Amino acid sequence: QVSALTTAQLVKLETVDLAALSTAQVRSLTTDQLVKLTTDQIVSLTTAQAVALSTSQVSALTTAQLVKLETVDIASMTSAQIGALTSDQVGALTTDQLTALS
């Protein structure tokens, strides 16, 4: 159970290990766990994993994490996920990420 990992254990996962998690496993991460992921770990998320994030997980992402999501990840998010972004998160999006929303 990935959700049973402590944040200290989770941040020790290699990016290849994180990328190998199923979408259900990624979705089972608590917001406390998710915000502790390094930016390298966030970059390693697949588009399917990014799209599997719940709205509460999306809104919990730090701005540093959010800008590390690939443009295709942002473009593939649902309307509900995009709507869950905070004003600080929207302000932090890169030009390419913003363009992907249109």
Protein backbone atom coordinates (compact mmCIF):
# COMPACT_ATOMS: atom_id res chain seq x y z
CA GLN A 1 0.00 0.00 0.00
CA VAL A 2 1.66 3.17 -1.23
CA SER A 3 -0.55 5.34 0.96
CA ALA A 4 0.94 3.59 4.02
CA LEU A 5 4.42 4.91 3.23
CA THR A 6 5.64 7.74 5.40
CA THR A 7 6.59 10.95 3.62
CA ALA A 8 10.22 10.21 4.52
CA GLN A 9 9.96 6.84 2.77
CA LEU A 10 8.10 8.27 -0.22
CA VAL A 11 10.67 10.92 -1.02
CA LYS A 12 13.33 8.19 -1.11
CA LEU A 13 11.60 6.46 -4.03
CA GLU A 14 13.58 6.70 -7.25
CA THR A 15 11.83 8.49 -10.11
CA VAL A 16 11.65 5.23 -12.06
CA ASP A 17 9.84 3.62 -9.12
CA LEU A 18 7.36 6.48 -8.89
CA ALA A 19 6.70 6.35 -12.63
CA ALA A 20 5.95 2.63 -12.29
CA LEU A 21 3.09 3.20 -9.83
CA SER A 22 -0.40 2.56 -11.13
CA THR A 23 -2.80 5.45 -11.49
CA ALA A 24 -4.80 4.01 -8.57
CA GLN A 25 -1.66 4.02 -6.41
CA VAL A 26 -0.89 7.63 -7.31
CA ARG A 27 -4.48 8.61 -6.58
CA SER A 28 -4.22 6.91 -3.17
CA LEU A 29 -1.44 9.26 -2.07
CA THR A 30 -2.56 11.69 0.58
CA THR A 31 -2.12 15.40 -0.07
CA ASP A 32 0.51 15.43 2.70
CA GLN A 33 2.46 12.76 0.83
CA LEU A 34 2.02 14.43 -2.54
CA VAL A 35 3.35 17.82 -1.48
CA LYS A 36 6.51 16.16 -0.16
CA LEU A 37 7.42 14.74 -3.57
CA THR A 38 10.49 16.34 -5.07
CA THR A 39 10.24 18.22 -8.34
CA ASP A 40 12.23 15.40 -9.98
CA GLN A 41 9.61 12.94 -8.77
CA ILE A 42 6.82 15.16 -10.12
CA VAL A 43 8.56 15.32 -13.51
CA SER A 44 8.64 11.52 -13.58
CA LEU A 45 4.84 11.22 -13.34
CA THR A 46 3.28 9.94 -16.52
CA THR A 47 0.42 11.80 -18.17
CA ALA A 48 -1.94 9.02 -17.06
CA GLN A 49 -0.77 9.48 -13.46
CA ALA A 50 -1.18 13.27 -13.62
CA VAL A 51 -4.69 12.93 -15.03
CA ALA A 52 -5.54 10.44 -12.25
CA LEU A 53 -4.85 13.02 -9.53
CA SER A 54 -7.94 14.04 -7.60
CA THR A 55 -8.98 17.69 -7.47
CA SER A 56 -7.77 17.89 -3.86
CA GLN A 57 -4.39 16.48 -4.91
CA VAL A 58 -4.13 18.98 -7.77
CA SER A 59 -4.96 21.93 -5.53
CA ALA A 60 -2.41 20.70 -2.97
CA LEU A 61 0.50 20.74 -5.43
CA THR A 62 3.04 23.41 -4.68
CA THR A 63 3.69 25.95 -7.42
CA ALA A 64 7.21 24.51 -7.77
CA GLN A 65 5.69 21.07 -8.38
CA LEU A 66 2.99 22.31 -10.73
CA VAL A 67 5.38 24.05 -13.11
CA LYS A 68 7.33 20.79 -13.41
CA LEU A 69 4.33 18.96 -14.89
CA GLU A 70 4.74 18.51 -18.60
CA THR A 71 2.59 20.62 -20.89
CA VAL A 72 0.82 17.49 -22.13
CA ASP A 73 -0.05 16.64 -18.50
CA ILE A 74 -1.70 20.02 -18.03
CA ALA A 75 -3.46 19.81 -21.40
CA SER A 76 -4.83 16.37 -20.51
CA MET A 77 -6.29 17.40 -17.16
CA THR A 78 -10.04 17.47 -16.74
CA SER A 79 -12.06 20.66 -16.35
CA ALA A 80 -12.55 19.76 -12.69
CA GLN A 81 -8.80 19.45 -12.14
CA ILE A 82 -8.11 22.77 -13.85
CA GLY A 83 -10.91 24.36 -11.84
CA ALA A 84 -9.27 23.10 -8.64
CA LEU A 85 -6.11 25.12 -9.28
CA THR A 86 -5.61 27.97 -6.84
CA SER A 87 -4.95 31.49 -8.05
CA ASP A 88 -1.31 31.13 -6.96
CA GLN A 89 -1.01 27.94 -8.99
CA VAL A 90 -2.53 29.53 -12.10
CA GLY A 91 -0.18 32.49 -11.71
CA ALA A 92 2.78 30.11 -11.60
CA LEU A 93 1.91 28.22 -14.80
CA THR A 94 4.42 28.64 -17.59
CA THR A 95 3.43 30.23 -20.88
CA ASP A 96 3.47 26.82 -22.54
CA GLN A 97 1.26 25.35 -19.83
CA LEU A 98 -1.21 28.23 -20.14
CA THR A 99 -1.27 27.84 -23.92
CA ALA A 100 -2.03 24.15 -23.47
CA LEU A 101 -5.20 25.06 -21.59
CA SER A 102 -6.71 26.86 -24.56
